[in-house]
Amino acid sequence: MSNAQIEFHKSKIRLNAMVKYLSGFDLSEVDLKLRGPGDIFGKMQSGFPKLQFADLIADQEILIQAKRGCI
């Protein structure tokens, strides 16, 4: 798949999300999944950092539980 096709599909996902959700939090979650969180302490504003122990998208539930002290 070319970069243009990938960006086209991402645009469709964003537009569908704006139709589906009213909450800015829900929209930002869709955007996070598409763009990535970037570099928390650096200059990269998007993309996926290479974490040693967790994936911010795939491990979202367990990270939330850990933050709450449930684990």
PDB file of N, CA and C in Angstrom:
ATOM      1  N   MET A   1       0.855  -1.175   0.000  1.00  0.00           N
ATOM      2  CA  MET A   1       0.000   0.000   0.000  1.00  0.00           C
ATOM      3  C   MET A   1       0.901   1.238   0.000  1.00  0.00           C
ATOM      4  N   SER A   2       0.605   2.205  -0.829  1.00  0.00           N
ATOM      5  CA  SER A   2       1.417   3.421  -0.906  1.00  0.00           C
ATOM      6  C   SER A   2       1.096   4.368   0.248  1.00  0.00           C
ATOM      7  N   ASN A   3       1.985   5.326   0.476  1.00  0.00           N
ATOM      8  CA  ASN A   3       1.756   6.322   1.530  1.00  0.00           C
ATOM      9  C   ASN A   3       0.483   7.121   1.271  1.00  0.00           C
ATOM     10  N   ALA A   4       0.198   7.423   0.012  1.00  0.00           N
ATOM     11  CA  ALA A   4      -1.013   8.162  -0.329  1.00  0.00           C
ATOM     12  C   ALA A   4      -2.260   7.370   0.036  1.00  0.00           C
ATOM     13  N   GLN A   5      -2.245   6.066  -0.210  1.00  0.00           N
ATOM     14  CA  GLN A   5      -3.380   5.217   0.134  1.00  0.00           C
ATOM     15  C   GLN A   5      -3.553   5.125   1.646  1.00  0.00           C
ATOM     16  N   ILE A   6      -2.437   5.019   2.361  1.00  0.00           N
ATOM     17  CA  ILE A   6      -2.493   4.958   3.821  1.00  0.00           C
ATOM     18  C   ILE A   6      -3.090   6.239   4.376  1.00  0.00           C
ATOM     19  N   GLU A   7      -2.625   7.383   3.888  1.00  0.00           N
ATOM     20  CA  GLU A   7      -3.151   8.666   4.357  1.00  0.00           C
ATOM     21  C   GLU A   7      -4.627   8.830   4.000  1.00  0.00           C
ATOM     22  N   PHE A   8      -5.038   8.330   2.838  1.00  0.00           N
ATOM     23  CA  PHE A   8      -6.441   8.378   2.440  1.00  0.00           C
ATOM     24  C   PHE A   8      -7.300   7.591   3.430  1.00  0.00           C
ATOM     25  N   HIS A   9      -6.840   6.405   3.810  1.00  0.00           N
ATOM     26  CA  HIS A   9      -7.599   5.578   4.763  1.00  0.00           C
ATOM     27  C   HIS A   9      -7.636   6.227   6.145  1.00  0.00           C
ATOM     28  N   LYS A  10      -6.532   6.824   6.558  1.00  0.00           N
ATOM     29  CA  LYS A  10      -6.507   7.523   7.841  1.00  0.00           C
ATOM     30  C   LYS A  10      -7.497   8.696   7.834  1.00  0.00           C
ATOM     31  N   SER A  11      -7.566   9.404   6.721  1.00  0.00           N
ATOM     32  CA  SER A  11      -8.516  10.523   6.606  1.00  0.00           C
ATOM     33  C   SER A  11      -9.949  10.035   6.703  1.00  0.00           C
ATOM     34  N   LYS A  12     -10.241   8.902   6.067  1.00  0.00           N
ATOM     35  CA  LYS A  12     -11.589   8.334   6.160  1.00  0.00           C
ATOM     36  C   LYS A  12     -11.924   7.951   7.592  1.00  0.00           C
ATOM     37  N   ILE A  13     -10.965   7.376   8.298  1.00  0.00           N
ATOM     38  CA  ILE A  13     -11.187   6.988   9.693  1.00  0.00           C
ATOM     39  C   ILE A  13     -11.453   8.229  10.540  1.00  0.00           C
ATOM     40  N   ARG A  14     -10.665   9.298  10.325  1.00  0.00           N
ATOM     41  CA  ARG A  14     -10.869  10.538  11.095  1.00  0.00           C
ATOM     42  C   ARG A  14     -12.247  11.141  10.825  1.00  0.00           C
ATOM     43  N   LEU A  15     -12.649  11.191   9.557  1.00  0.00           N
ATOM     44  CA  LEU A  15     -13.961  11.761   9.220  1.00  0.00           C
ATOM     45  C   LEU A  15     -15.089  10.919   9.808  1.00  0.00           C
ATOM     46  N   ASN A  16     -14.976   9.610   9.730  1.00  0.00           N
ATOM     47  CA  ASN A  16     -15.999   8.738  10.326  1.00  0.00           C
ATOM     48  C   ASN A  16     -16.063   8.924  11.834  1.00  0.00           C
ATOM     49  N   ALA A  17     -14.915   9.123  12.470  1.00  0.00           N
ATOM     50  CA  ALA A  17     -14.886   9.337  13.913  1.00  0.00           C
ATOM     51  C   ALA A  17     -15.585  10.649  14.271  1.00  0.00           C
ATOM     52  N   MET A  18     -15.419  11.686  13.444  1.00  0.00           N
ATOM     53  CA  MET A  18     -16.062  12.975  13.732  1.00  0.00           C
ATOM     54  C   MET A  18     -17.580  12.885  13.585  1.00  0.00           C
ATOM     55  N   VAL A  19     -18.036  11.980  12.730  1.00  0.00           N
ATOM     56  CA  VAL A  19     -19.475  11.759  12.600  1.00  0.00           C
ATOM     57  C   VAL A  19     -19.996  10.934  13.774  1.00  0.00           C
ATOM     58  N   LYS A  20     -19.214   9.963  14.207  1.00  0.00           N
ATOM     59  CA  LYS A  20     -19.644   9.015  15.235  1.00  0.00           C
ATOM     60  C   LYS A  20     -19.582   9.582  16.650  1.00  0.00           C
ATOM     61  N   TYR A  21     -18.533  10.336  16.968  1.00  0.00           N
ATOM     62  CA  TYR A  21     -18.299  10.778  18.340  1.00  0.00           C
ATOM     63  C   TYR A  21     -18.562  12.271  18.517  1.00  0.00           C
ATOM     64  N   LEU A  22     -19.077  12.625  19.665  1.00  0.00           N
ATOM     65  CA  LEU A  22     -19.247  14.027  20.033  1.00  0.00           C
ATOM     66  C   LEU A  22     -18.178  14.472  21.025  1.00  0.00           C
ATOM     67  N   SER A  23     -17.588  13.521  21.708  1.00  0.00           N
ATOM     68  CA  SER A  23     -16.602  13.801  22.747  1.00  0.00           C
ATOM     69  C   SER A  23     -15.218  14.038  22.147  1.00  0.00           C
ATOM     70  N   GLY A  24     -14.589  15.117  22.571  1.00  0.00           N
ATOM     71  CA  GLY A  24     -13.225  15.390  22.147  1.00  0.00           C
ATOM     72  C   GLY A  24     -12.255  14.332  22.635  1.00  0.00           C
ATOM     73  N   PHE A  25     -12.560  13.723  23.790  1.00  0.00           N
ATOM     74  CA  PHE A  25     -11.704  12.661  24.314  1.00  0.00           C
ATOM     75  C   PHE A  25     -11.732  11.445  23.391  1.00  0.00           C
ATOM     76  N   ASP A  26     -12.913  11.093  22.890  1.00  0.00           N
ATOM     77  CA  ASP A  26     -13.023   9.966  21.966  1.00  0.00           C
ATOM     78  C   ASP A  26     -12.287  10.263  20.660  1.00  0.00           C
ATOM     79  N   LEU A  27     -12.436  11.491  20.176  1.00  0.00           N
ATOM     80  CA  LEU A  27     -11.749  11.872  18.941  1.00  0.00           C
ATOM     81  C   LEU A  27     -10.233  11.860  19.121  1.00  0.00           C
ATOM     82  N   SER A  28      -9.780  12.337  20.273  1.00  0.00           N
ATOM     83  CA  SER A  28      -8.332  12.354  20.504  1.00  0.00           C
ATOM     84  C   SER A  28      -7.776  10.940  20.630  1.00  0.00           C
ATOM     85  N   GLU A  29      -8.581  10.006  21.134  1.00  0.00           N
ATOM     86  CA  GLU A  29      -8.135   8.617  21.223  1.00  0.00           C
ATOM     87  C   GLU A  29      -7.969   8.015  19.827  1.00  0.00           C
ATOM     88  N   VAL A  30      -8.899   8.325  18.927  1.00  0.00           N
ATOM     89  CA  VAL A  30      -8.775   7.863  17.541  1.00  0.00           C
ATOM     90  C   VAL A  30      -7.511   8.450  16.923  1.00  0.00           C
ATOM     91  N   ASP A  31      -7.285   9.743  17.149  1.00  0.00           N
ATOM     92  CA  ASP A  31      -6.098  10.402  16.609  1.00  0.00           C
ATOM     93  C   ASP A  31      -4.819   9.802  17.184  1.00  0.00           C
ATOM     94  N   LEU A  32      -4.823   9.495  18.470  1.00  0.00           N
ATOM     95  CA  LEU A  32      -3.657   8.870  19.102  1.00  0.00           C
ATOM     96  C   LEU A  32      -3.340   7.540  18.437  1.00  0.00           C
ATOM     97  N   LYS A  33      -4.364   6.758  18.154  1.00  0.00           N
ATOM     98  CA  LYS A  33      -4.151   5.457  17.526  1.00  0.00           C
ATOM     99  C   LYS A  33      -3.622   5.603  16.102  1.00  0.00           C
ATOM    100  N   LEU A  34      -4.020   6.668  15.419  1.00  0.00           N
ATOM    101  CA  LEU A  34      -3.571   6.869  14.038  1.00  0.00           C
ATOM    102  C   LEU A  34      -2.181   7.489  13.957  1.00  0.00           C
ATOM    103  N   ARG A  35      -1.907   8.482  14.795  1.00  0.00           N
ATOM    104  CA  ARG A  35      -0.649   9.224  14.699  1.00  0.00           C
ATOM    105  C   ARG A  35       0.426   8.726  15.639  1.00  0.00           C
ATOM    106  N   GLY A  36       0.021   8.162  16.768  1.00  0.00           N
ATOM    107  CA  GLY A  36       0.986   7.772  17.788  1.00  0.00           C
ATOM    108  C   GLY A  36       1.206   8.923  18.754  1.00  0.00           C
ATOM    109  N   PRO A  37       1.723   8.632  19.931  1.00  0.00           N
ATOM    110  CA  PRO A  37       1.868   9.651  20.966  1.00  0.00           C
ATOM    111  C   PRO A  37       3.065  10.565  20.791  1.00  0.00           C
ATOM    112  N   GLY A  38       3.984  10.216  19.915  1.00  0.00           N
ATOM    113  CA  GLY A  38       5.184  11.027  19.771  1.00  0.00           C
ATOM    114  C   GLY A  38       6.179  10.731  20.867  1.00  0.00           C
ATOM    115  N   ASP A  39       7.150  11.593  21.010  1.00  0.00           N
ATOM    116  CA  ASP A  39       8.204  11.441  22.002  1.00  0.00           C
ATOM    117  C   ASP A  39       7.867  12.339  23.182  1.00  0.00           C
ATOM    118  N   ILE A  40       7.629  11.757  24.336  1.00  0.00           N
ATOM    119  CA  ILE A  40       7.162  12.505  25.496  1.00  0.00           C
ATOM    120  C   ILE A  40       8.176  13.563  25.923  1.00  0.00           C
ATOM    121  N   PHE A  41       9.454  13.237  25.914  1.00  0.00           N
ATOM    122  CA  PHE A  41      10.471  14.170  26.390  1.00  0.00           C
ATOM    123  C   PHE A  41      11.300  14.779  25.268  1.00  0.00           C
ATOM    124  N   GLY A  42      10.986  14.474  24.033  1.00  0.00           N
ATOM    125  CA  GLY A  42      11.784  14.980  22.914  1.00  0.00           C
ATOM    126  C   GLY A  42      10.996  15.926  22.031  1.00  0.00           C
ATOM    127  N   LYS A  43      11.393  15.978  20.782  1.00  0.00           N
ATOM    128  CA  LYS A  43      10.792  16.917  19.834  1.00  0.00           C
ATOM    129  C   LYS A  43       9.819  16.267  18.861  1.00  0.00           C
ATOM    130  N   MET A  44       9.767  14.941  18.812  1.00  0.00           N
ATOM    131  CA  MET A  44       8.895  14.237  17.873  1.00  0.00           C
ATOM    132  C   MET A  44       7.436  14.390  18.317  1.00  0.00           C
ATOM    133  N   GLN A  45       6.601  14.987  17.461  1.00  0.00           N
ATOM    134  CA  GLN A  45       5.222  15.268  17.834  1.00  0.00           C
ATOM    135  C   GLN A  45       4.263  14.141  17.489  1.00  0.00           C
ATOM    136  N   SER A  46       4.669  13.216  16.676  1.00  0.00           N
ATOM    137  CA  SER A  46       3.835  12.056  16.375  1.00  0.00           C
ATOM    138  C   SER A  46       4.752  10.877  16.102  1.00  0.00           C
ATOM    139  N   GLY A  47       4.148   9.717  15.994  1.00  0.00           N
ATOM    140  CA  GLY A  47       4.930   8.501  15.798  1.00  0.00           C
ATOM    141  C   GLY A  47       4.851   7.634  17.039  1.00  0.00           C
ATOM    142  N   PHE A  48       5.386   6.456  16.955  1.00  0.00           N
ATOM    143  CA  PHE A  48       5.279   5.508  18.046  1.00  0.00           C
ATOM    144  C   PHE A  48       6.647   5.281  18.683  1.00  0.00           C
ATOM    145  N   PRO A  49       6.780   5.630  19.974  1.00  0.00           N
ATOM    146  CA  PRO A  49       8.053   5.420  20.656  1.00  0.00           C
ATOM    147  C   PRO A  49       8.309   3.939  20.889  1.00  0.00           C
ATOM    148  N   LYS A  50       9.555   3.583  21.028  1.00  0.00           N
ATOM    149  CA  LYS A  50       9.907   2.190  21.298  1.00  0.00           C
ATOM    150  C   LYS A  50      10.058   2.026  22.797  1.00  0.00           C
ATOM    151  N   LEU A  51       9.006   1.559  23.443  1.00  0.00           N
ATOM    152  CA  LEU A  51       9.032   1.330  24.879  1.00  0.00           C
ATOM    153  C   LEU A  51       9.515  -0.089  25.145  1.00  0.00           C
ATOM    154  N   GLN A  52      10.219  -0.276  26.251  1.00  0.00           N
ATOM    155  CA  GLN A  52      10.748  -1.596  26.561  1.00  0.00           C
ATOM    156  C   GLN A  52       9.673  -2.563  27.040  1.00  0.00           C
ATOM    157  N   PHE A  53       8.728  -2.088  27.832  1.00  0.00           N
ATOM    158  CA  PHE A  53       7.832  -3.002  28.527  1.00  0.00           C
ATOM    159  C   PHE A  53       6.363  -2.889  28.158  1.00  0.00           C
ATOM    160  N   ALA A  54       5.947  -1.830  27.496  1.00  0.00           N
ATOM    161  CA  ALA A  54       4.524  -1.640  27.236  1.00  0.00           C
ATOM    162  C   ALA A  54       4.302  -1.002  25.870  1.00  0.00           C
ATOM    163  N   ASP A  55       3.128  -1.215  25.339  1.00  0.00           N
ATOM    164  CA  ASP A  55       2.664  -0.575  24.112  1.00  0.00           C
ATOM    165  C   ASP A  55       1.496   0.315  24.513  1.00  0.00           C
ATOM    166  N   LEU A  56       1.596   1.623  24.285  1.00  0.00           N
ATOM    167  CA  LEU A  56       0.576   2.558  24.765  1.00  0.00           C
ATOM    168  C   LEU A  56      -0.808   2.278  24.201  1.00  0.00           C
ATOM    169  N   ILE A  57      -0.895   1.688  23.025  1.00  0.00           N
ATOM    170  CA  ILE A  57      -2.190   1.390  22.418  1.00  0.00           C
ATOM    171  C   ILE A  57      -2.689   0.015  22.844  1.00  0.00           C
ATOM    172  N   ALA A  58      -1.881  -1.007  22.618  1.00  0.00           N
ATOM    173  CA  ALA A  58      -2.316  -2.385  22.885  1.00  0.00           C
ATOM    174  C   ALA A  58      -2.486  -2.661  24.378  1.00  0.00           C
ATOM    175  N   ASP A  59      -1.684  -2.006  25.217  1.00  0.00           N
ATOM    176  CA  ASP A  59      -1.713  -2.276  26.655  1.00  0.00           C
ATOM    177  C   ASP A  59      -2.448  -1.192  27.435  1.00  0.00           C
ATOM    178  N   GLN A  60      -3.339  -0.481  26.783  1.00  0.00           N
ATOM    179  CA  GLN A  60      -4.006   0.663  27.402  1.00  0.00           C
ATOM    180  C   GLN A  60      -4.739   0.297  28.690  1.00  0.00           C
ATOM    181  N   GLU A  61      -5.513  -0.775  28.682  1.00  0.00           N
ATOM    182  CA  GLU A  61      -6.296  -1.150  29.867  1.00  0.00           C
ATOM    183  C   GLU A  61      -5.410  -1.485  31.061  1.00  0.00           C
ATOM    184  N   ILE A  62      -4.384  -2.265  30.827  1.00  0.00           N
ATOM    185  CA  ILE A  62      -3.528  -2.660  31.949  1.00  0.00           C
ATOM    186  C   ILE A  62      -2.726  -1.459  32.467  1.00  0.00           C
ATOM    187  N   LEU A  63      -2.373  -0.517  31.592  1.00  0.00           N
ATOM    188  CA  LEU A  63      -1.676   0.688  32.040  1.00  0.00           C
ATOM    189  C   LEU A  63      -2.589   1.564  32.896  1.00  0.00           C
ATOM    190  N   ILE A  64      -3.863   1.653  32.522  1.00  0.00           N
ATOM    191  CA  ILE A  64      -4.826   2.412  33.315  1.00  0.00           C
ATOM    192  C   ILE A  64      -4.999   1.766  34.687  1.00  0.00           C
ATOM    193  N   GLN A  65      -5.117   0.441  34.716  1.00  0.00           N
ATOM    194  CA  GLN A  65      -5.254  -0.272  35.990  1.00  0.00           C
ATOM    195  C   GLN A  65      -4.019  -0.069  36.864  1.00  0.00           C
ATOM    196  N   ALA A  66      -2.842  -0.107  36.253  1.00  0.00           N
ATOM    197  CA  ALA A  66      -1.607   0.086  37.012  1.00  0.00           C
ATOM    198  C   ALA A  66      -1.559   1.501  37.582  1.00  0.00           C
ATOM    199  N   LYS A  67      -1.998   2.470  36.797  1.00  0.00           N
ATOM    200  CA  LYS A  67      -2.002   3.860  37.270  1.00  0.00           C
ATOM    201  C   LYS A  67      -2.937   4.023  38.475  1.00  0.00           C
ATOM    202  N   ARG A  68      -4.059   3.314  38.435  1.00  0.00           N
ATOM    203  CA  ARG A  68      -5.035   3.383  39.537  1.00  0.00           C
ATOM    204  C   ARG A  68      -4.581   2.589  40.756  1.00  0.00           C
ATOM    205  N   GLY A  69      -3.570   1.760  40.606  1.00  0.00           N
ATOM    206  CA  GLY A  69      -3.078   0.939  41.705  1.00  0.00           C
ATOM    207  C   GLY A  69      -3.869  -0.351  41.884  1.00  0.00           C
ATOM    208  N   CYS A  70      -4.565  -0.778  40.822  1.00  0.00           N
ATOM    209  CA  CYS A  70      -5.396  -1.996  40.892  1.00  0.00           C
ATOM    210  C   CYS A  70      -4.582  -3.262  40.681  1.00  0.00           C
ATOM    211  N   ILE A  71      -3.353  -3.114  40.286  1.00  0.00           N
ATOM    212  CA  ILE A  71      -2.540  -4.302  39.992  1.00  0.00           C
ATOM    213  C   ILE A  71      -1.499  -4.463  41.070  1.00  0.00           C
TER     214      ILE A  71
END
